[in-house]
Structures are given as structure tokens and as C-alpha cells.
């Protein structure tokens, strides 16, 4: 039996770490994109020394993304699943447009990480995905990227970056579906992470369980692509 493979960006903590842990437990070879030096991820790698590989990755650096793809390609000839998790939210969400700081770089930074980052990673890992069996690309977005269901009157940079990621994903679906790919855009839920805060609804392990279930689903042409971690459809 051929070992299945997955590359997960932002695996240092939060949802990325929970996904790395879940896929490792399910017998996948996990390539964990590591931005920082989180001890939990190091400990997980020690528990799965043969099937969990730490890969240094800064999604804002094209050189870093290229090196990550080269690292994986030297170890495996193909990749089944790519999950773009790495994200950031630095904007003061209480600030209305009149008080929004347009010169501190946060707008550009969130767009760079949340929208351009996944595109860099997808571009460089696409040759490996084309050789994989599952050909599954997952972009972890947010309900904040929905235009149809937007209740907010602020949160500009985060919402705009996730809306851009949603459009990116749709374009990729149009391009890749004829080649047998499936593209998913997932809202992971309001999670108790550094970003979501301690009052959030769910633990990231719950989201990871749901997302894993979606990766083993038998997807058919015409199935939706923007949904919650449990498969409930979302409006664009």
C-alpha cells in the first residue's frame, strides 16, 4: 500500500498543528510547514519520526516556498493533498474606516500572508500534486471572506484578504478541475486559537477532525467548494 502524503502550511500551532497531528495519526506522511520554533510541533515530530517531516516555510518568501517544495520533492515523488492553513490577523477590529491606519503596513501584510501566500505555495507544489492520487487542494479561508453573508462594518484587511483567497480558489478550480483536481475552500469555525481567542466555540482539534473527513470523501463533479469544516455549504 502506497503511503499517502499531505503538506500543511502553518503547522506550528492552532489548526495547522491539529491537522498535522490528525493526519499523522491516520497514517499519512505529513510534511509540516514550520514558520516558528513551536515545541509542540517538535514533540509531534519525535512521536512520528518516520512519517512527519518538518519543513521550514515562510509563505511570504518566494525563496522559502521554493526551498520547501524542493525539500518535499527530494523525499517523495508526489503529493496527494495540499492544505494552505497559514494565516494572520493583525488589524484592530474595533477601528472604523475613519481611524484605519493606512500606513503601518498591516493591510499589505495580511494580504501577503492570507492571499498571496497560498498562491505561492500552490504554484510551487502543483507539479507534485499533479503526480499525486488525490489531487486535492484545500485553502483554509473564513466566513469573513463571504460577500453575500458579510455583517461587519470594519475588519477590512482580514475580510478583504479572505475574499481574495476565495476568488483565487475559484480560479484555480476552473483551471485544475479538467485535470482531475478537487479544490475546497473551508471556513474552519470559530476556534480557540491565538487568532480566535479563548471564548471561541470549538477546539481546533474539532475542526481538524471535520476537515480530515472532507479529505477522504468521494467528491463528484459539480460538488460545492466553499463550506464549513463539517461540510455545510457557505455562500460566496
C-alpha atoms as a PDB file:
ATOM      1  CA  UNK A   1       0.000   0.000   0.000  1.00  0.00           C
ATOM      2  CA  UNK A   2       1.384   3.375  -1.054  1.00  0.00           C
ATOM      3  CA  UNK A   3       1.668   5.850   1.810  1.00  0.00           C
ATOM      4  CA  UNK A   4      -0.490   8.930   1.282  1.00  0.00           C
ATOM      5  CA  UNK A   5       1.103  12.342   1.623  1.00  0.00           C
ATOM      6  CA  UNK A   6      -0.059  15.764   2.782  1.00  0.00           C
ATOM      7  CA  UNK A   7       1.661  19.142   3.055  1.00  0.00           C
ATOM      8  CA  UNK A   8       0.237  21.521   5.670  1.00  0.00           C
ATOM      9  CA  UNK A   9       1.321  25.145   5.934  1.00  0.00           C
ATOM     10  CA  UNK A  10       1.212  26.940   9.268  1.00  0.00           C
ATOM     11  CA  UNK A  11       1.583  23.663  11.164  1.00  0.00           C
ATOM     12  CA  UNK A  12       3.301  25.305  14.130  1.00  0.00           C
ATOM     13  CA  UNK A  13       0.130  25.837  16.142  1.00  0.00           C
ATOM     14  CA  UNK A  14      -3.635  26.161  16.104  1.00  0.00           C
ATOM     15  CA  UNK A  15      -5.484  24.424  13.290  1.00  0.00           C
ATOM     16  CA  UNK A  16      -2.286  23.647  11.383  1.00  0.00           C
ATOM     17  CA  UNK A  17      -0.884  21.715  14.332  1.00  0.00           C
ATOM     18  CA  UNK A  18      -4.182  19.900  14.917  1.00  0.00           C
ATOM     19  CA  UNK A  19      -4.271  18.875  11.256  1.00  0.00           C
ATOM     20  CA  UNK A  20      -0.664  17.666  11.342  1.00  0.00           C
ATOM     21  CA  UNK A  21      -1.478  15.587  14.408  1.00  0.00           C
ATOM     22  CA  UNK A  22      -4.676  14.158  12.886  1.00  0.00           C
ATOM     23  CA  UNK A  23      -3.094  13.171   9.567  1.00  0.00           C
ATOM     24  CA  UNK A  24      -0.093  11.638  11.332  1.00  0.00           C
ATOM     25  CA  UNK A  25      -2.402   9.515  13.473  1.00  0.00           C
ATOM     26  CA  UNK A  26      -4.264   8.432  10.336  1.00  0.00           C
ATOM     27  CA  UNK A  27      -1.079   7.056   8.755  1.00  0.00           C
ATOM     28  CA  UNK A  28      -0.233   9.815   6.289  1.00  0.00           C
ATOM     29  CA  UNK A  29       3.269  11.059   5.684  1.00  0.00           C
ATOM     30  CA  UNK A  30       2.916  14.622   6.883  1.00  0.00           C
ATOM     31  CA  UNK A  31       5.085  17.451   5.652  1.00  0.00           C
ATOM     32  CA  UNK A  32       4.569  20.176   8.237  1.00  0.00           C
ATOM     33  CA  UNK A  33       5.313  23.718   7.134  1.00  0.00           C
ATOM     34  CA  UNK A  34       7.068  25.316  10.106  1.00  0.00           C
ATOM     35  CA  UNK A  35       7.366  29.088  10.483  1.00  0.00           C
ATOM     36  CA  UNK A  36       8.431  29.373  14.112  1.00  0.00           C
ATOM     37  CA  UNK A  37      10.044  27.058  16.625  1.00  0.00           C
ATOM     38  CA  UNK A  38       6.978  25.736  18.433  1.00  0.00           C
ATOM     39  CA  UNK A  39       7.890  22.956  20.860  1.00  0.00           C
ATOM     40  CA  UNK A  40       4.586  21.115  20.324  1.00  0.00           C
ATOM     41  CA  UNK A  41       5.401  20.508  16.674  1.00  0.00           C
ATOM     42  CA  UNK A  42       8.897  19.337  17.541  1.00  0.00           C
ATOM     43  CA  UNK A  43       7.417  16.911  20.077  1.00  0.00           C
ATOM     44  CA  UNK A  44       4.937  15.630  17.488  1.00  0.00           C
ATOM     45  CA  UNK A  45       7.772  15.020  15.033  1.00  0.00           C
ATOM     46  CA  UNK A  46       9.564  12.982  17.701  1.00  0.00           C
ATOM     47  CA  UNK A  47       6.439  10.841  18.120  1.00  0.00           C
ATOM     48  CA  UNK A  48       6.279  10.185  14.368  1.00  0.00           C
ATOM     49  CA  UNK A  49       9.943  10.231  13.307  1.00  0.00           C
ATOM     50  CA  UNK A  50       9.366   8.221  10.135  1.00  0.00           C
ATOM     51  CA  UNK A  51       6.200   9.892   8.898  1.00  0.00           C
ATOM     52  CA  UNK A  52       6.270  13.534   9.987  1.00  0.00           C
ATOM     53  CA  UNK A  53       8.800  15.829   8.346  1.00  0.00           C
ATOM     54  CA  UNK A  54       9.290  19.421   9.453  1.00  0.00           C
ATOM     55  CA  UNK A  55       9.789  21.809   6.552  1.00  0.00           C
ATOM     56  CA  UNK A  56      10.848  25.429   7.226  1.00  0.00           C
ATOM     57  CA  UNK A  57       8.372  27.723   5.483  1.00  0.00           C
ATOM     58  CA  UNK A  58       7.629  31.427   5.274  1.00  0.00           C
ATOM     59  CA  UNK A  59       4.724  31.810   2.849  1.00  0.00           C
ATOM     60  CA  UNK A  60       5.617  35.465   2.220  1.00  0.00           C
ATOM     61  CA  UNK A  61       9.026  34.481   0.809  1.00  0.00           C
ATOM     62  CA  UNK A  62       9.175  33.014  -2.678  1.00  0.00           C
ATOM     63  CA  UNK A  63      12.637  31.612  -1.951  1.00  0.00           C
ATOM     64  CA  UNK A  64      11.354  29.884   1.183  1.00  0.00           C
ATOM     65  CA  UNK A  65       8.398  28.374  -0.677  1.00  0.00           C
ATOM     66  CA  UNK A  66      10.656  27.115  -3.467  1.00  0.00           C
ATOM     67  CA  UNK A  67      13.030  25.523  -0.957  1.00  0.00           C
ATOM     68  CA  UNK A  68      10.094  23.838   0.774  1.00  0.00           C
ATOM     69  CA  UNK A  69       8.870  22.323  -2.495  1.00  0.00           C
ATOM     70  CA  UNK A  70      12.389  21.159  -3.317  1.00  0.00           C
ATOM     71  CA  UNK A  71      12.702  19.549   0.117  1.00  0.00           C
ATOM     72  CA  UNK A  72       9.491  17.579  -0.328  1.00  0.00           C
ATOM     73  CA  UNK A  73      10.317  16.561  -3.904  1.00  0.00           C
ATOM     74  CA  UNK A  74      13.608  15.023  -2.741  1.00  0.00           C
ATOM     75  CA  UNK A  75      11.739  12.827  -0.273  1.00  0.00           C
ATOM     76  CA  UNK A  76       8.593  11.934  -2.191  1.00  0.00           C
ATOM     77  CA  UNK A  77       7.815  11.821  -5.944  1.00  0.00           C
ATOM     78  CA  UNK A  78       4.262  13.077  -5.451  1.00  0.00           C
ATOM     79  CA  UNK A  79       1.873  14.795  -3.063  1.00  0.00           C
ATOM     80  CA  UNK A  80      -1.756  13.842  -2.515  1.00  0.00           C
ATOM     81  CA  UNK A  81      -3.104  16.779  -0.526  1.00  0.00           C
ATOM     82  CA  UNK A  82      -2.032  20.390  -0.031  1.00  0.00           C
ATOM     83  CA  UNK A  83      -3.661  22.313   2.814  1.00  0.00           C
ATOM     84  CA  UNK A  84      -2.967  26.045   2.984  1.00  0.00           C
ATOM     85  CA  UNK A  85      -3.583  26.949   6.622  1.00  0.00           C
ATOM     86  CA  UNK A  86      -1.029  29.675   7.392  1.00  0.00           C
ATOM     87  CA  UNK A  87      -2.809  32.942   8.111  1.00  0.00           C
ATOM     88  CA  UNK A  88      -2.587  36.119  10.123  1.00  0.00           C
ATOM     89  CA  UNK A  89      -4.928  38.724  11.588  1.00  0.00           C
ATOM     90  CA  UNK A  90      -3.287  41.865  12.938  1.00  0.00           C
ATOM     91  CA  UNK A  91      -5.836  44.606  12.273  1.00  0.00           C
ATOM     92  CA  UNK A  92      -7.556  46.356  15.187  1.00  0.00           C
ATOM     93  CA  UNK A  93     -11.089  45.120  14.558  1.00  0.00           C
ATOM     94  CA  UNK A  94     -12.677  47.898  16.614  1.00  0.00           C
ATOM     95  CA  UNK A  95     -11.457  50.672  14.316  1.00  0.00           C
ATOM     96  CA  UNK A  96     -13.908  52.237  11.803  1.00  0.00           C
ATOM     97  CA  UNK A  97     -12.734  53.362   8.388  1.00  0.00           C
ATOM     98  CA  UNK A  98     -12.064  56.938   9.516  1.00  0.00           C
ATOM     99  CA  UNK A  99      -9.479  55.702  12.039  1.00  0.00           C
ATOM    100  CA  UNK A 100      -7.980  52.891   9.966  1.00  0.00           C
ATOM    101  CA  UNK A 101      -4.189  53.108   9.806  1.00  0.00           C
ATOM    102  CA  UNK A 102      -3.326  53.000   6.121  1.00  0.00           C
ATOM    103  CA  UNK A 103       0.427  53.463   6.541  1.00  0.00           C
ATOM    104  CA  UNK A 104       1.529  50.855   9.111  1.00  0.00           C
ATOM    105  CA  UNK A 105       1.685  48.031   6.554  1.00  0.00           C
ATOM    106  CA  UNK A 106      -0.916  45.751   8.141  1.00  0.00           C
ATOM    107  CA  UNK A 107      -3.159  45.846   5.077  1.00  0.00           C
ATOM    108  CA  UNK A 108      -0.357  44.693   2.816  1.00  0.00           C
ATOM    109  CA  UNK A 109       0.902  42.123   5.328  1.00  0.00           C
ATOM    110  CA  UNK A 110      -2.433  40.383   5.783  1.00  0.00           C
ATOM    111  CA  UNK A 111      -2.984  40.251   2.026  1.00  0.00           C
ATOM    112  CA  UNK A 112       0.543  38.907   1.554  1.00  0.00           C
ATOM    113  CA  UNK A 113       0.121  36.096   4.076  1.00  0.00           C
ATOM    114  CA  UNK A 114      -3.550  35.215   3.622  1.00  0.00           C
ATOM    115  CA  UNK A 115      -3.973  35.578  -0.151  1.00  0.00           C
ATOM    116  CA  UNK A 116      -0.621  35.676  -1.934  1.00  0.00           C
ATOM    117  CA  UNK A 117       0.939  33.126   0.430  1.00  0.00           C
ATOM    118  CA  UNK A 118      -1.365  30.264  -0.586  1.00  0.00           C
ATOM    119  CA  UNK A 119      -0.922  31.162  -4.247  1.00  0.00           C
ATOM    120  CA  UNK A 120       2.868  30.967  -3.932  1.00  0.00           C
ATOM    121  CA  UNK A 121       2.624  27.600  -2.203  1.00  0.00           C
ATOM    122  CA  UNK A 122       0.111  26.196  -4.677  1.00  0.00           C
ATOM    123  CA  UNK A 123       2.216  27.267  -7.647  1.00  0.00           C
ATOM    124  CA  UNK A 124       5.367  25.616  -6.363  1.00  0.00           C
ATOM    125  CA  UNK A 125       3.713  22.405  -5.149  1.00  0.00           C
ATOM    126  CA  UNK A 126       1.486  21.945  -8.187  1.00  0.00           C
ATOM    127  CA  UNK A 127       3.956  19.657 -10.028  1.00  0.00           C
ATOM    128  CA  UNK A 128       3.950  17.278  -7.040  1.00  0.00           C
ATOM    129  CA  UNK A 129       0.154  17.450  -6.720  1.00  0.00           C
ATOM    130  CA  UNK A 130      -0.260  16.610 -10.401  1.00  0.00           C
ATOM    131  CA  UNK A 131       1.571  13.336  -9.745  1.00  0.00           C
ATOM    132  CA  UNK A 132      -0.498  12.532  -6.663  1.00  0.00           C
ATOM    133  CA  UNK A 133      -3.505  10.253  -6.446  1.00  0.00           C
ATOM    134  CA  UNK A 134      -5.943  12.516  -4.579  1.00  0.00           C
ATOM    135  CA  UNK A 135      -5.098  15.809  -6.320  1.00  0.00           C
ATOM    136  CA  UNK A 136      -6.787  17.712  -3.510  1.00  0.00           C
ATOM    137  CA  UNK A 137      -6.117  21.392  -2.795  1.00  0.00           C
ATOM    138  CA  UNK A 138      -7.604  22.918   0.350  1.00  0.00           C
ATOM    139  CA  UNK A 139      -7.471  26.616   1.149  1.00  0.00           C
ATOM    140  CA  UNK A 140      -8.495  27.440   4.705  1.00  0.00           C
ATOM    141  CA  UNK A 141     -10.473  30.643   4.317  1.00  0.00           C
ATOM    142  CA  UNK A 142     -13.175  32.078   6.589  1.00  0.00           C
ATOM    143  CA  UNK A 143     -16.778  33.126   6.724  1.00  0.00           C
ATOM    144  CA  UNK A 144     -15.200  36.582   6.840  1.00  0.00           C
ATOM    145  CA  UNK A 145     -14.424  36.172   3.147  1.00  0.00           C
ATOM    146  CA  UNK A 146     -18.086  35.845   2.196  1.00  0.00           C
ATOM    147  CA  UNK A 147     -19.546  38.903   0.473  1.00  0.00           C
ATOM    148  CA  UNK A 148     -23.097  37.523   0.494  1.00  0.00           C
ATOM    149  CA  UNK A 149     -23.055  36.987   4.262  1.00  0.00           C
ATOM    150  CA  UNK A 150     -20.997  39.944   5.461  1.00  0.00           C
ATOM    151  CA  UNK A 151     -22.406  41.560   8.638  1.00  0.00           C
ATOM    152  CA  UNK A 152     -19.303  43.601   9.512  1.00  0.00           C
ATOM    153  CA  UNK A 153     -18.714  47.338   9.201  1.00  0.00           C
ATOM    154  CA  UNK A 154     -14.935  47.060   9.776  1.00  0.00           C
ATOM    155  CA  UNK A 155     -12.216  44.297   9.774  1.00  0.00           C
ATOM    156  CA  UNK A 156     -11.080  45.497   6.354  1.00  0.00           C
ATOM    157  CA  UNK A 157      -7.743  43.763   5.843  1.00  0.00           C
ATOM    158  CA  UNK A 158      -8.715  40.326   7.131  1.00  0.00           C
ATOM    159  CA  UNK A 159     -12.045  40.159   5.309  1.00  0.00           C
ATOM    160  CA  UNK A 160     -10.562  41.513   2.097  1.00  0.00           C
ATOM    161  CA  UNK A 161      -7.682  39.024   2.211  1.00  0.00           C
ATOM    162  CA  UNK A 162     -10.035  36.081   2.700  1.00  0.00           C
ATOM    163  CA  UNK A 163     -12.348  37.275  -0.080  1.00  0.00           C
ATOM    164  CA  UNK A 164      -9.268  37.406  -2.326  1.00  0.00           C
ATOM    165  CA  UNK A 165      -8.374  33.855  -1.284  1.00  0.00           C
ATOM    166  CA  UNK A 166     -11.888  32.730  -2.183  1.00  0.00           C
ATOM    167  CA  UNK A 167     -11.584  34.213  -5.673  1.00  0.00           C
ATOM    168  CA  UNK A 168      -8.144  32.665  -6.055  1.00  0.00           C
ATOM    169  CA  UNK A 169      -9.609  29.274  -5.172  1.00  0.00           C
ATOM    170  CA  UNK A 170     -12.423  29.579  -7.702  1.00  0.00           C
ATOM    171  CA  UNK A 171      -9.981  30.490 -10.464  1.00  0.00           C
ATOM    172  CA  UNK A 172      -7.827  27.507  -9.522  1.00  0.00           C
ATOM    173  CA  UNK A 173     -10.866  25.235  -9.578  1.00  0.00           C
ATOM    174  CA  UNK A 174     -11.703  26.413 -13.094  1.00  0.00           C
ATOM    175  CA  UNK A 175      -8.136  25.717 -14.170  1.00  0.00           C
ATOM    176  CA  UNK A 176      -7.484  22.432 -12.362  1.00  0.00           C
ATOM    177  CA  UNK A 177     -10.808  20.564 -12.465  1.00  0.00           C
ATOM    178  CA  UNK A 178     -10.257  19.333 -16.046  1.00  0.00           C
ATOM    179  CA  UNK A 179      -7.056  17.680 -14.793  1.00  0.00           C
ATOM    180  CA  UNK A 180      -8.861  15.716 -12.077  1.00  0.00           C
ATOM    181  CA  UNK A 181      -8.288  18.076  -9.142  1.00  0.00           C
ATOM    182  CA  UNK A 182     -10.696  18.964  -6.351  1.00  0.00           C
ATOM    183  CA  UNK A 183     -10.415  22.404  -4.734  1.00  0.00           C
ATOM    184  CA  UNK A 184     -12.022  23.142  -1.372  1.00  0.00           C
ATOM    185  CA  UNK A 185     -12.378  26.493   0.411  1.00  0.00           C
ATOM    186  CA  UNK A 186     -13.120  25.928   4.080  1.00  0.00           C
ATOM    187  CA  UNK A 187     -14.353  28.006   6.985  1.00  0.00           C
ATOM    188  CA  UNK A 188     -12.703  26.237   9.943  1.00  0.00           C
ATOM    189  CA  UNK A 189     -15.143  27.533  12.535  1.00  0.00           C
ATOM    190  CA  UNK A 190     -14.519  29.961  15.378  1.00  0.00           C
ATOM    191  CA  UNK A 191     -11.675  28.178  17.117  1.00  0.00           C
ATOM    192  CA  UNK A 192      -9.923  28.624  20.442  1.00  0.00           C
ATOM    193  CA  UNK A 193      -6.573  29.656  18.987  1.00  0.00           C
ATOM    194  CA  UNK A 194      -4.312  32.707  19.238  1.00  0.00           C
ATOM    195  CA  UNK A 195      -6.425  34.284  16.495  1.00  0.00           C
ATOM    196  CA  UNK A 196      -9.852  33.128  17.667  1.00  0.00           C
ATOM    197  CA  UNK A 197      -9.344  33.779  21.367  1.00  0.00           C
ATOM    198  CA  UNK A 198     -10.352  31.768  24.459  1.00  0.00           C
ATOM    199  CA  UNK A 199     -14.080  32.467  24.099  1.00  0.00           C
ATOM    200  CA  UNK A 200     -14.379  30.770  20.700  1.00  0.00           C
ATOM    201  CA  UNK A 201     -16.807  27.930  20.033  1.00  0.00           C
ATOM    202  CA  UNK A 202     -14.596  24.950  19.276  1.00  0.00           C
ATOM    203  CA  UNK A 203     -11.156  23.468  19.826  1.00  0.00           C
ATOM    204  CA  UNK A 204      -9.048  23.292  16.645  1.00  0.00           C
ATOM    205  CA  UNK A 205      -8.977  19.501  17.010  1.00  0.00           C
ATOM    206  CA  UNK A 206     -12.723  19.507  16.268  1.00  0.00           C
ATOM    207  CA  UNK A 207     -12.155  21.460  13.079  1.00  0.00           C
ATOM    208  CA  UNK A 208      -9.277  19.187  12.104  1.00  0.00           C
ATOM    209  CA  UNK A 209     -11.481  16.112  12.534  1.00  0.00           C
ATOM    210  CA  UNK A 210     -14.081  17.611  10.219  1.00  0.00           C
ATOM    211  CA  UNK A 211     -11.557  18.686   7.624  1.00  0.00           C
ATOM    212  CA  UNK A 212      -9.941  15.261   7.602  1.00  0.00           C
ATOM    213  CA  UNK A 213     -13.354  13.764   6.895  1.00  0.00           C
ATOM    214  CA  UNK A 214     -13.691  16.010   3.859  1.00  0.00           C
ATOM    215  CA  UNK A 215     -10.312  14.873   2.511  1.00  0.00           C
ATOM    216  CA  UNK A 216     -11.433  11.242   2.338  1.00  0.00           C
ATOM    217  CA  UNK A 217     -14.839  11.996   0.817  1.00  0.00           C
ATOM    218  CA  UNK A 218     -15.602  10.752  -2.684  1.00  0.00           C
ATOM    219  CA  UNK A 219     -16.083  14.094  -4.403  1.00  0.00           C
ATOM    220  CA  UNK A 220     -18.103  14.240  -7.603  1.00  0.00           C
ATOM    221  CA  UNK A 221     -18.065  16.819 -10.419  1.00  0.00           C
ATOM    222  CA  UNK A 222     -20.298  19.732  -9.523  1.00  0.00           C
ATOM    223  CA  UNK A 223     -19.979  19.303  -5.753  1.00  0.00           C
ATOM    224  CA  UNK A 224     -19.634  22.564  -3.863  1.00  0.00           C
ATOM    225  CA  UNK A 225     -16.313  24.010  -2.802  1.00  0.00           C
ATOM    226  CA  UNK A 226     -16.950  26.770  -0.214  1.00  0.00           C
ATOM    227  CA  UNK A 227     -18.142  25.179   3.015  1.00  0.00           C
ATOM    228  CA  UNK A 228     -17.721  24.836   6.768  1.00  0.00           C
ATOM    229  CA  UNK A 229     -15.316  22.307   8.256  1.00  0.00           C
ATOM    230  CA  UNK A 230     -18.270  19.935   8.678  1.00  0.00           C
ATOM    231  CA  UNK A 231     -19.255  20.144   5.013  1.00  0.00           C
ATOM    232  CA  UNK A 232     -22.144  22.618   5.419  1.00  0.00           C
ATOM    233  CA  UNK A 233     -22.244  24.869   2.338  1.00  0.00           C
ATOM    234  CA  UNK A 234     -21.293  28.549   2.526  1.00  0.00           C
ATOM    235  CA  UNK A 235     -22.453  31.400   0.307  1.00  0.00           C
ATOM    236  CA  UNK A 236     -19.803  33.305  -1.619  1.00  0.00           C
END
